[in-house]
Amino acid sequence: MFGTSKQNQLQAAHIRSLEARVRTLDALVVQLAERAGVGDEELAHLRGISEAGVTPEIEALVRQGKDIEAIKSYRQLTGAGLKQAKDAIDAYRARSA
């Protein structure tokens, strides 16, 4: 592990804080979409096209069932780790299905 235990604890706390913020913002998006009359399908489409790191090339790879290639491309583009990239591609695939 890199850094001191205290640094790791601070980083972990910061990550948890950011994750909580993302969940809060995601819930707000859902509420705003409902108020605006945006349906689930349209919201999923909008999320898919605005997904950070999911380029048209990666979208095409997912459509073709080439998940490993999509994960590799996502990692190269974003610098994400393997698990983060797999989770992002899985989430994108689920939303775009």
PDB file of N, CA and C in Angstrom:
ATOM      1  N   MET A   1       0.833  -1.172   0.000  1.00  0.00           N
ATOM      2  CA  MET A   1       0.000   0.000   0.000  1.00  0.00           C
ATOM      3  C   MET A   1       0.879   1.237   0.000  1.00  0.00           C
ATOM      4  N   PHE A   2       0.482   2.259  -0.677  1.00  0.00           N
ATOM      5  CA  PHE A   2       1.250   3.496  -0.753  1.00  0.00           C
ATOM      6  C   PHE A   2       0.772   4.474   0.314  1.00  0.00           C
ATOM      7  N   GLY A   3       1.683   5.285   0.811  1.00  0.00           N
ATOM      8  CA  GLY A   3       1.310   6.298   1.790  1.00  0.00           C
ATOM      9  C   GLY A   3       1.170   5.705   3.171  1.00  0.00           C
ATOM     10  N   THR A   4       0.895   6.569   4.089  1.00  0.00           N
ATOM     11  CA  THR A   4       0.727   6.131   5.471  1.00  0.00           C
ATOM     12  C   THR A   4      -0.708   5.675   5.685  1.00  0.00           C
ATOM     13  N   SER A   5      -0.900   4.999   6.789  1.00  0.00           N
ATOM     14  CA  SER A   5      -2.242   4.540   7.137  1.00  0.00           C
ATOM     15  C   SER A   5      -3.196   5.723   7.268  1.00  0.00           C
ATOM     16  N   LYS A   6      -2.713   6.805   7.861  1.00  0.00           N
ATOM     17  CA  LYS A   6      -3.545   8.006   8.025  1.00  0.00           C
ATOM     18  C   LYS A   6      -3.929   8.589   6.664  1.00  0.00           C
ATOM     19  N   GLN A   7      -2.971   8.636   5.731  1.00  0.00           N
ATOM     20  CA  GLN A   7      -3.262   9.139   4.388  1.00  0.00           C
ATOM     21  C   GLN A   7      -4.306   8.258   3.707  1.00  0.00           C
ATOM     22  N   ASN A   8      -4.146   6.950   3.861  1.00  0.00           N
ATOM     23  CA  ASN A   8      -5.104   6.021   3.251  1.00  0.00           C
ATOM     24  C   ASN A   8      -6.489   6.213   3.842  1.00  0.00           C
ATOM     25  N   GLN A   9      -6.555   6.428   5.137  1.00  0.00           N
ATOM     26  CA  GLN A   9      -7.841   6.647   5.791  1.00  0.00           C
ATOM     27  C   GLN A   9      -8.490   7.935   5.292  1.00  0.00           C
ATOM     28  N   LEU A  10      -7.684   8.983   5.137  1.00  0.00           N
ATOM     29  CA  LEU A  10      -8.215  10.250   4.636  1.00  0.00           C
ATOM     30  C   LEU A  10      -8.710  10.111   3.199  1.00  0.00           C
ATOM     31  N   GLN A  11      -7.943   9.406   2.387  1.00  0.00           N
ATOM     32  CA  GLN A  11      -8.357   9.195   1.001  1.00  0.00           C
ATOM     33  C   GLN A  11      -9.637   8.375   0.939  1.00  0.00           C
ATOM     34  N   ALA A  12      -9.727   7.332   1.756  1.00  0.00           N
ATOM     35  CA  ALA A  12     -10.929   6.504   1.777  1.00  0.00           C
ATOM     36  C   ALA A  12     -12.136   7.324   2.221  1.00  0.00           C
ATOM     37  N   ALA A  13     -11.953   8.179   3.215  1.00  0.00           N
ATOM     38  CA  ALA A  13     -13.048   9.031   3.685  1.00  0.00           C
ATOM     39  C   ALA A  13     -13.472  10.000   2.590  1.00  0.00           C
ATOM     40  N   HIS A  14     -12.511  10.534   1.871  1.00  0.00           N
ATOM     41  CA  HIS A  14     -12.813  11.465   0.777  1.00  0.00           C
ATOM     42  C   HIS A  14     -13.589  10.744  -0.334  1.00  0.00           C
ATOM     43  N   ILE A  15     -13.174   9.547  -0.644  1.00  0.00           N
ATOM     44  CA  ILE A  15     -13.866   8.771  -1.680  1.00  0.00           C
ATOM     45  C   ILE A  15     -15.299   8.473  -1.247  1.00  0.00           C
ATOM     46  N   ARG A  16     -15.482   8.062  -0.002  1.00  0.00           N
ATOM     47  CA  ARG A  16     -16.842   7.809   0.501  1.00  0.00           C
ATOM     48  C   ARG A  16     -17.699   9.071   0.416  1.00  0.00           C
ATOM     49  N   SER A  17     -17.098  10.207   0.734  1.00  0.00           N
ATOM     50  CA  SER A  17     -17.815  11.475   0.667  1.00  0.00           C
ATOM     51  C   SER A  17     -18.231  11.781  -0.776  1.00  0.00           C
ATOM     52  N   LEU A  18     -17.331  11.578  -1.704  1.00  0.00           N
ATOM     53  CA  LEU A  18     -17.647  11.820  -3.111  1.00  0.00           C
ATOM     54  C   LEU A  18     -18.715  10.853  -3.612  1.00  0.00           C
ATOM     55  N   GLU A  19     -18.631   9.591  -3.192  1.00  0.00           N
ATOM     56  CA  GLU A  19     -19.637   8.616  -3.600  1.00  0.00           C
ATOM     57  C   GLU A  19     -21.018   9.002  -3.062  1.00  0.00           C
ATOM     58  N   ALA A  20     -21.056   9.469  -1.830  1.00  0.00           N
ATOM     59  CA  ALA A  20     -22.331   9.912  -1.249  1.00  0.00           C
ATOM     60  C   ALA A  20     -22.877  11.109  -2.023  1.00  0.00           C
ATOM     61  N   ARG A  21     -22.008  12.014  -2.404  1.00  0.00           N
ATOM     62  CA  ARG A  21     -22.420  13.190  -3.176  1.00  0.00           C
ATOM     63  C   ARG A  21     -22.986  12.780  -4.529  1.00  0.00           C
ATOM     64  N   VAL A  22     -22.346  11.833  -5.168  1.00  0.00           N
ATOM     65  CA  VAL A  22     -22.833  11.344  -6.459  1.00  0.00           C
ATOM     66  C   VAL A  22     -24.214  10.713  -6.301  1.00  0.00           C
ATOM     67  N   ARG A  23     -24.403   9.909  -5.249  1.00  0.00           N
ATOM     68  CA  ARG A  23     -25.726   9.310  -5.011  1.00  0.00           C
ATOM     69  C   ARG A  23     -26.786  10.386  -4.803  1.00  0.00           C
ATOM     70  N   THR A  24     -26.443  11.420  -4.055  1.00  0.00           N
ATOM     71  CA  THR A  24     -27.381  12.516  -3.802  1.00  0.00           C
ATOM     72  C   THR A  24     -27.734  13.224  -5.112  1.00  0.00           C
ATOM     73  N   LEU A  25     -26.727  13.500  -5.929  1.00  0.00           N
ATOM     74  CA  LEU A  25     -26.964  14.178  -7.199  1.00  0.00           C
ATOM     75  C   LEU A  25     -27.762  13.294  -8.159  1.00  0.00           C
ATOM     76  N   ASP A  26     -27.497  11.998  -8.138  1.00  0.00           N
ATOM     77  CA  ASP A  26     -28.240  11.086  -8.983  1.00  0.00           C
ATOM     78  C   ASP A  26     -29.719  11.072  -8.594  1.00  0.00           C
ATOM     79  N   ALA A  27     -29.991  11.062  -7.302  1.00  0.00           N
ATOM     80  CA  ALA A  27     -31.385  11.111  -6.832  1.00  0.00           C
ATOM     81  C   ALA A  27     -32.048  12.414  -7.269  1.00  0.00           C
ATOM     82  N   LEU A  28     -31.315  13.500  -7.234  1.00  0.00           N
ATOM     83  CA  LEU A  28     -31.851  14.787  -7.671  1.00  0.00           C
ATOM     84  C   LEU A  28     -32.171  14.764  -9.162  1.00  0.00           C
ATOM     85  N   VAL A  29     -31.310  14.155  -9.950  1.00  0.00           N
ATOM     86  CA  VAL A  29     -31.560  14.039 -11.390  1.00  0.00           C
ATOM     87  C   VAL A  29     -32.858  13.273 -11.632  1.00  0.00           C
ATOM     88  N   VAL A  30     -33.059  12.195 -10.897  1.00  0.00           N
ATOM     89  CA  VAL A  30     -34.281  11.400 -11.053  1.00  0.00           C
ATOM     90  C   VAL A  30     -35.506  12.255 -10.722  1.00  0.00           C
ATOM     91  N   GLN A  31     -35.439  12.999  -9.629  1.00  0.00           N
ATOM     92  CA  GLN A  31     -36.567  13.856  -9.234  1.00  0.00           C
ATOM     93  C   GLN A  31     -36.842  14.922 -10.290  1.00  0.00           C
ATOM     94  N   LEU A  32     -35.794  15.555 -10.778  1.00  0.00           N
ATOM     95  CA  LEU A  32     -35.965  16.596 -11.792  1.00  0.00           C
ATOM     96  C   LEU A  32     -36.516  16.010 -13.088  1.00  0.00           C
ATOM     97  N   ALA A  33     -36.065  14.818 -13.449  1.00  0.00           N
ATOM     98  CA  ALA A  33     -36.566  14.166 -14.658  1.00  0.00           C
ATOM     99  C   ALA A  33     -38.054  13.869 -14.515  1.00  0.00           C
ATOM    100  N   GLU A  34     -38.462  13.400 -13.347  1.00  0.00           N
ATOM    101  CA  GLU A  34     -39.884  13.123 -13.118  1.00  0.00           C
ATOM    102  C   GLU A  34     -40.700  14.398 -13.239  1.00  0.00           C
ATOM    103  N   ARG A  35     -40.230  15.472 -12.646  1.00  0.00           N
ATOM    104  CA  ARG A  35     -40.951  16.757 -12.714  1.00  0.00           C
ATOM    105  C   ARG A  35     -41.027  17.282 -14.139  1.00  0.00           C
ATOM    106  N   ALA A  36     -40.012  16.999 -14.927  1.00  0.00           N
ATOM    107  CA  ALA A  36     -39.974  17.481 -16.305  1.00  0.00           C
ATOM    108  C   ALA A  36     -40.696  16.548 -17.267  1.00  0.00           C
ATOM    109  N   GLY A  37     -41.179  15.422 -16.751  1.00  0.00           N
ATOM    110  CA  GLY A  37     -41.887  14.484 -17.614  1.00  0.00           C
ATOM    111  C   GLY A  37     -40.971  13.624 -18.459  1.00  0.00           C
ATOM    112  N   VAL A  38     -39.731  13.495 -18.043  1.00  0.00           N
ATOM    113  CA  VAL A  38     -38.782  12.649 -18.769  1.00  0.00           C
ATOM    114  C   VAL A  38     -38.951  11.219 -18.258  1.00  0.00           C
ATOM    115  N   GLY A  39     -39.271  10.306 -19.170  1.00  0.00           N
ATOM    116  CA  GLY A  39     -39.491   8.916 -18.793  1.00  0.00           C
ATOM    117  C   GLY A  39     -38.192   8.170 -18.519  1.00  0.00           C
ATOM    118  N   ASP A  40     -38.332   6.979 -17.960  1.00  0.00           N
ATOM    119  CA  ASP A  40     -37.170   6.164 -17.608  1.00  0.00           C
ATOM    120  C   ASP A  40     -36.296   5.852 -18.824  1.00  0.00           C
ATOM    121  N   GLU A  41     -36.940   5.523 -19.938  1.00  0.00           N
ATOM    122  CA  GLU A  41     -36.186   5.166 -21.142  1.00  0.00           C
ATOM    123  C   GLU A  41     -35.377   6.364 -21.663  1.00  0.00           C
ATOM    124  N   GLU A  42     -36.014   7.516 -21.711  1.00  0.00           N
ATOM    125  CA  GLU A  42     -35.312   8.715 -22.174  1.00  0.00           C
ATOM    126  C   GLU A  42     -34.189   9.095 -21.217  1.00  0.00           C
ATOM    127  N   LEU A  43     -34.437   8.984 -19.919  1.00  0.00           N
ATOM    128  CA  LEU A  43     -33.412   9.298 -18.934  1.00  0.00           C
ATOM    129  C   LEU A  43     -32.229   8.350 -19.079  1.00  0.00           C
ATOM    130  N   ALA A  44     -32.511   7.072 -19.286  1.00  0.00           N
ATOM    131  CA  ALA A  44     -31.427   6.105 -19.487  1.00  0.00           C
ATOM    132  C   ALA A  44     -30.617   6.458 -20.729  1.00  0.00           C
ATOM    133  N   HIS A  45     -31.316   6.867 -21.788  1.00  0.00           N
ATOM    134  CA  HIS A  45     -30.616   7.270 -23.016  1.00  0.00           C
ATOM    135  C   HIS A  45     -29.736   8.491 -22.759  1.00  0.00           C
ATOM    136  N   LEU A  46     -30.290   9.481 -22.065  1.00  0.00           N
ATOM    137  CA  LEU A  46     -29.523  10.693 -21.770  1.00  0.00           C
ATOM    138  C   LEU A  46     -28.307  10.384 -20.907  1.00  0.00           C
ATOM    139  N   ARG A  47     -28.480   9.507 -19.942  1.00  0.00           N
ATOM    140  CA  ARG A  47     -27.336   9.117 -19.104  1.00  0.00           C
ATOM    141  C   ARG A  47     -26.291   8.410 -19.943  1.00  0.00           C
ATOM    142  N   GLY A  48     -26.737   7.582 -20.855  1.00  0.00           N
ATOM    143  CA  GLY A  48     -25.800   6.839 -21.695  1.00  0.00           C
ATOM    144  C   GLY A  48     -24.965   7.729 -22.581  1.00  0.00           C
ATOM    145  N   ILE A  49     -25.591   8.755 -23.154  1.00  0.00           N
ATOM    146  CA  ILE A  49     -24.824   9.615 -24.054  1.00  0.00           C
ATOM    147  C   ILE A  49     -23.974  10.621 -23.301  1.00  0.00           C
ATOM    148  N   SER A  50     -24.239  10.785 -22.008  1.00  0.00           N
ATOM    149  CA  SER A  50     -23.439  11.734 -21.248  1.00  0.00           C
ATOM    150  C   SER A  50     -22.452  11.039 -20.313  1.00  0.00           C
ATOM    151  N   GLU A  51     -22.360   9.716 -20.417  1.00  0.00           N
ATOM    152  CA  GLU A  51     -21.471   8.940 -19.553  1.00  0.00           C
ATOM    153  C   GLU A  51     -20.019   9.322 -19.827  1.00  0.00           C
ATOM    154  N   ALA A  52     -19.348   9.790 -18.797  1.00  0.00           N
ATOM    155  CA  ALA A  52     -17.940  10.167 -18.932  1.00  0.00           C
ATOM    156  C   ALA A  52     -17.122   8.955 -19.322  1.00  0.00           C
ATOM    157  N   GLY A  53     -16.327   9.101 -20.351  1.00  0.00           N
ATOM    158  CA  GLY A  53     -15.429   8.027 -20.761  1.00  0.00           C
ATOM    159  C   GLY A  53     -16.034   7.052 -21.745  1.00  0.00           C
ATOM    160  N   VAL A  54     -17.337   7.110 -21.959  1.00  0.00           N
ATOM    161  CA  VAL A  54     -17.964   6.193 -22.912  1.00  0.00           C
ATOM    162  C   VAL A  54     -18.073   6.913 -24.249  1.00  0.00           C
ATOM    163  N   THR A  55     -17.119   6.618 -25.094  1.00  0.00           N
ATOM    164  CA  THR A  55     -17.055   7.240 -26.410  1.00  0.00           C
ATOM    165  C   THR A  55     -17.913   6.455 -27.404  1.00  0.00           C
ATOM    166  N   PRO A  56     -18.163   7.014 -28.574  1.00  0.00           N
ATOM    167  CA  PRO A  56     -18.894   6.252 -29.596  1.00  0.00           C
ATOM    168  C   PRO A  56     -18.206   4.920 -29.930  1.00  0.00           C
ATOM    169  N   GLU A  57     -16.878   4.903 -29.891  1.00  0.00           N
ATOM    170  CA  GLU A  57     -16.146   3.651 -30.153  1.00  0.00           C
ATOM    171  C   GLU A  57     -16.471   2.609 -29.086  1.00  0.00           C
ATOM    172  N   ILE A  58     -16.481   3.031 -27.835  1.00  0.00           N
ATOM    173  CA  ILE A  58     -16.785   2.113 -26.739  1.00  0.00           C
ATOM    174  C   ILE A  58     -18.236   1.668 -26.823  1.00  0.00           C
ATOM    175  N   GLU A  59     -19.140   2.579 -27.161  1.00  0.00           N
ATOM    176  CA  GLU A  59     -20.547   2.205 -27.350  1.00  0.00           C
ATOM    177  C   GLU A  59     -20.671   1.112 -28.402  1.00  0.00           C
ATOM    178  N   ALA A  60     -19.954   1.276 -29.514  1.00  0.00           N
ATOM    179  CA  ALA A  60     -19.997   0.284 -30.588  1.00  0.00           C
ATOM    180  C   ALA A  60     -19.460  -1.066 -30.114  1.00  0.00           C
ATOM    181  N   LEU A  61     -18.388  -1.047 -29.353  1.00  0.00           N
ATOM    182  CA  LEU A  61     -17.828  -2.298 -28.833  1.00  0.00           C
ATOM    183  C   LEU A  61     -18.835  -3.004 -27.928  1.00  0.00           C
ATOM    184  N   VAL A  62     -19.523  -2.245 -27.088  1.00  0.00           N
ATOM    185  CA  VAL A  62     -20.526  -2.836 -26.199  1.00  0.00           C
ATOM    186  C   VAL A  62     -21.668  -3.426 -27.031  1.00  0.00           C
ATOM    187  N   ARG A  63     -22.140  -2.691 -28.028  1.00  0.00           N
ATOM    188  CA  ARG A  63     -23.220  -3.189 -28.889  1.00  0.00           C
ATOM    189  C   ARG A  63     -22.827  -4.486 -29.586  1.00  0.00           C
ATOM    190  N   GLN A  64     -21.533  -4.604 -29.927  1.00  0.00           N
ATOM    191  CA  GLN A  64     -21.043  -5.797 -30.615  1.00  0.00           C
ATOM    192  C   GLN A  64     -20.734  -6.935 -29.647  1.00  0.00           C
ATOM    193  N   GLY A  65     -20.933  -6.700 -28.359  1.00  0.00           N
ATOM    194  CA  GLY A  65     -20.659  -7.727 -27.364  1.00  0.00           C
ATOM    195  C   GLY A  65     -19.182  -7.882 -27.054  1.00  0.00           C
ATOM    196  N   LYS A  66     -18.372  -6.909 -27.426  1.00  0.00           N
ATOM    197  CA  LYS A  66     -16.922  -6.955 -27.200  1.00  0.00           C
ATOM    198  C   LYS A  66     -16.582  -6.207 -25.913  1.00  0.00           C
ATOM    199  N   ASP A  67     -17.072  -6.767 -24.806  1.00  0.00           N
ATOM    200  CA  ASP A  67     -16.913  -6.093 -23.516  1.00  0.00           C
ATOM    201  C   ASP A  67     -15.456  -5.962 -23.092  1.00  0.00           C
ATOM    202  N   ILE A  68     -14.651  -6.978 -23.338  1.00  0.00           N
ATOM    203  CA  ILE A  68     -13.240  -6.908 -22.929  1.00  0.00           C
ATOM    204  C   ILE A  68     -12.535  -5.765 -23.655  1.00  0.00           C
ATOM    205  N   GLU A  69     -12.791  -5.647 -24.945  1.00  0.00           N
ATOM    206  CA  GLU A  69     -12.198  -4.555 -25.710  1.00  0.00           C
ATOM    207  C   GLU A  69     -12.722  -3.202 -25.225  1.00  0.00           C
ATOM    208  N   ALA A  70     -14.013  -3.147 -24.885  1.00  0.00           N
ATOM    209  CA  ALA A  70     -14.610  -1.909 -24.376  1.00  0.00           C
ATOM    210  C   ALA A  70     -13.972  -1.517 -23.049  1.00  0.00           C
ATOM    211  N   ILE A  71     -13.748  -2.503 -22.192  1.00  0.00           N
ATOM    212  CA  ILE A  71     -13.116  -2.240 -20.896  1.00  0.00           C
ATOM    213  C   ILE A  71     -11.691  -1.747 -21.096  1.00  0.00           C
ATOM    214  N   LYS A  72     -10.961  -2.369 -21.998  1.00  0.00           N
ATOM    215  CA  LYS A  72      -9.586  -1.925 -22.284  1.00  0.00           C
ATOM    216  C   LYS A  72      -9.571  -0.489 -22.788  1.00  0.00           C
ATOM    217  N   SER A  73     -10.461  -0.182 -23.713  1.00  0.00           N
ATOM    218  CA  SER A  73     -10.518   1.179 -24.254  1.00  0.00           C
ATOM    219  C   SER A  73     -10.889   2.188 -23.178  1.00  0.00           C
ATOM    220  N   TYR A  74     -11.845   1.817 -22.332  1.00  0.00           N
ATOM    221  CA  TYR A  74     -12.271   2.704 -21.247  1.00  0.00           C
ATOM    222  C   TYR A  74     -11.107   2.968 -20.303  1.00  0.00           C
ATOM    223  N   ARG A  75     -10.356   1.928 -19.981  1.00  0.00           N
ATOM    224  CA  ARG A  75      -9.206   2.089 -19.078  1.00  0.00           C
ATOM    225  C   ARG A  75      -8.155   3.007 -19.689  1.00  0.00           C
ATOM    226  N   GLN A  76      -7.877   2.819 -20.967  1.00  0.00           N
ATOM    227  CA  GLN A  76      -6.879   3.667 -21.630  1.00  0.00           C
ATOM    228  C   GLN A  76      -7.322   5.120 -21.658  1.00  0.00           C
ATOM    229  N   LEU A  77      -8.592   5.336 -21.899  1.00  0.00           N
ATOM    230  CA  LEU A  77      -9.120   6.695 -22.007  1.00  0.00           C
ATOM    231  C   LEU A  77      -9.186   7.399 -20.658  1.00  0.00           C
ATOM    232  N   THR A  78      -9.638   6.672 -19.631  1.00  0.00           N
ATOM    233  CA  THR A  78      -9.909   7.317 -18.345  1.00  0.00           C
ATOM    234  C   THR A  78      -8.834   7.096 -17.285  1.00  0.00           C
ATOM    235  N   GLY A  79      -8.002   6.075 -17.470  1.00  0.00           N
ATOM    236  CA  GLY A  79      -7.025   5.742 -16.440  1.00  0.00           C
ATOM    237  C   GLY A  79      -7.631   4.951 -15.295  1.00  0.00           C
ATOM    238  N   ALA A  80      -8.852   4.483 -15.470  1.00  0.00           N
ATOM    239  CA  ALA A  80      -9.546   3.719 -14.425  1.00  0.00           C
ATOM    240  C   ALA A  80      -8.880   2.369 -14.223  1.00  0.00           C
ATOM    241  N   GLY A  81      -9.059   1.825 -13.037  1.00  0.00           N
ATOM    242  CA  GLY A  81      -8.594   0.475 -12.752  1.00  0.00           C
ATOM    243  C   GLY A  81      -9.514  -0.540 -13.412  1.00  0.00           C
ATOM    244  N   LEU A  82      -9.108  -1.797 -13.356  1.00  0.00           N
ATOM    245  CA  LEU A  82      -9.873  -2.851 -14.020  1.00  0.00           C
ATOM    246  C   LEU A  82     -11.296  -2.954 -13.474  1.00  0.00           C
ATOM    247  N   LYS A  83     -11.447  -2.989 -12.168  1.00  0.00           N
ATOM    248  CA  LYS A  83     -12.786  -3.112 -11.578  1.00  0.00           C
ATOM    249  C   LYS A  83     -13.650  -1.898 -11.903  1.00  0.00           C
ATOM    250  N   GLN A  84     -13.068  -0.702 -11.799  1.00  0.00           N
ATOM    251  CA  GLN A  84     -13.832   0.512 -12.110  1.00  0.00           C
ATOM    252  C   GLN A  84     -14.289   0.503 -13.559  1.00  0.00           C
ATOM    253  N   ALA A  85     -13.398   0.104 -14.461  1.00  0.00           N
ATOM    254  CA  ALA A  85     -13.742   0.080 -15.877  1.00  0.00           C
ATOM    255  C   ALA A  85     -14.821  -0.956 -16.157  1.00  0.00           C
ATOM    256  N   LYS A  86     -14.681  -2.155 -15.562  1.00  0.00           N
ATOM    257  CA  LYS A  86     -15.689  -3.194 -15.760  1.00  0.00           C
ATOM    258  C   LYS A  86     -17.044  -2.728 -15.232  1.00  0.00           C
ATOM    259  N   ASP A  87     -17.039  -2.119 -14.055  1.00  0.00           N
ATOM    260  CA  ASP A  87     -18.299  -1.621 -13.482  1.00  0.00           C
ATOM    261  C   ASP A  87     -18.922  -0.559 -14.380  1.00  0.00           C
ATOM    262  N   ALA A  88     -18.099   0.336 -14.929  1.00  0.00           N
ATOM    263  CA  ALA A  88     -18.611   1.397 -15.801  1.00  0.00           C
ATOM    264  C   ALA A  88     -19.208   0.810 -17.077  1.00  0.00           C
ATOM    265  N   ILE A  89     -18.539  -0.152 -17.671  1.00  0.00           N
ATOM    266  CA  ILE A  89     -19.043  -0.766 -18.902  1.00  0.00           C
ATOM    267  C   ILE A  89     -20.302  -1.578 -18.605  1.00  0.00           C
ATOM    268  N   ASP A  90     -20.309  -2.308 -17.495  1.00  0.00           N
ATOM    269  CA  ASP A  90     -21.505  -3.078 -17.119  1.00  0.00           C
ATOM    270  C   ASP A  90     -22.689  -2.141 -16.902  1.00  0.00           C
ATOM    271  N   ALA A  91     -22.450  -1.020 -16.217  1.00  0.00           N
ATOM    272  CA  ALA A  91     -23.523  -0.058 -15.958  1.00  0.00           C
ATOM    273  C   ALA A  91     -24.012   0.553 -17.261  1.00  0.00           C
ATOM    274  N   TYR A  92     -23.093   0.882 -18.158  1.00  0.00           N
ATOM    275  CA  TYR A  92     -23.482   1.458 -19.448  1.00  0.00           C
ATOM    276  C   TYR A  92     -24.316   0.437 -20.229  1.00  0.00           C
ATOM    277  N   ARG A  93     -23.861  -0.821 -20.260  1.00  0.00           N
ATOM    278  CA  ARG A  93     -24.588  -1.859 -20.994  1.00  0.00           C
ATOM    279  C   ARG A  93     -25.998  -2.017 -20.427  1.00  0.00           C
ATOM    280  N   ALA A  94     -26.126  -2.025 -19.108  1.00  0.00           N
ATOM    281  CA  ALA A  94     -27.439  -2.182 -18.478  1.00  0.00           C
ATOM    282  C   ALA A  94     -28.370  -1.019 -18.825  1.00  0.00           C
ATOM    283  N   ARG A  95     -27.821   0.196 -18.849  1.00  0.00           N
ATOM    284  CA  ARG A  95     -28.650   1.372 -19.162  1.00  0.00           C
ATOM    285  C   ARG A  95     -29.050   1.430 -20.618  1.00  0.00           C
ATOM    286  N   SER A  96     -28.183   0.933 -21.483  1.00  0.00           N
ATOM    287  CA  SER A  96     -28.467   1.057 -22.914  1.00  0.00           C
ATOM    288  C   SER A  96     -29.220  -0.135 -23.477  1.00  0.00           C
ATOM    289  N   ALA A  97     -29.486  -1.126 -22.633  1.00  0.00           N
ATOM    290  CA  ALA A  97     -30.194  -2.336 -23.100  1.00  0.00           C
ATOM    291  C   ALA A  97     -31.648  -2.054 -23.379  1.00  0.00           C
TER     292      ALA A  97
END
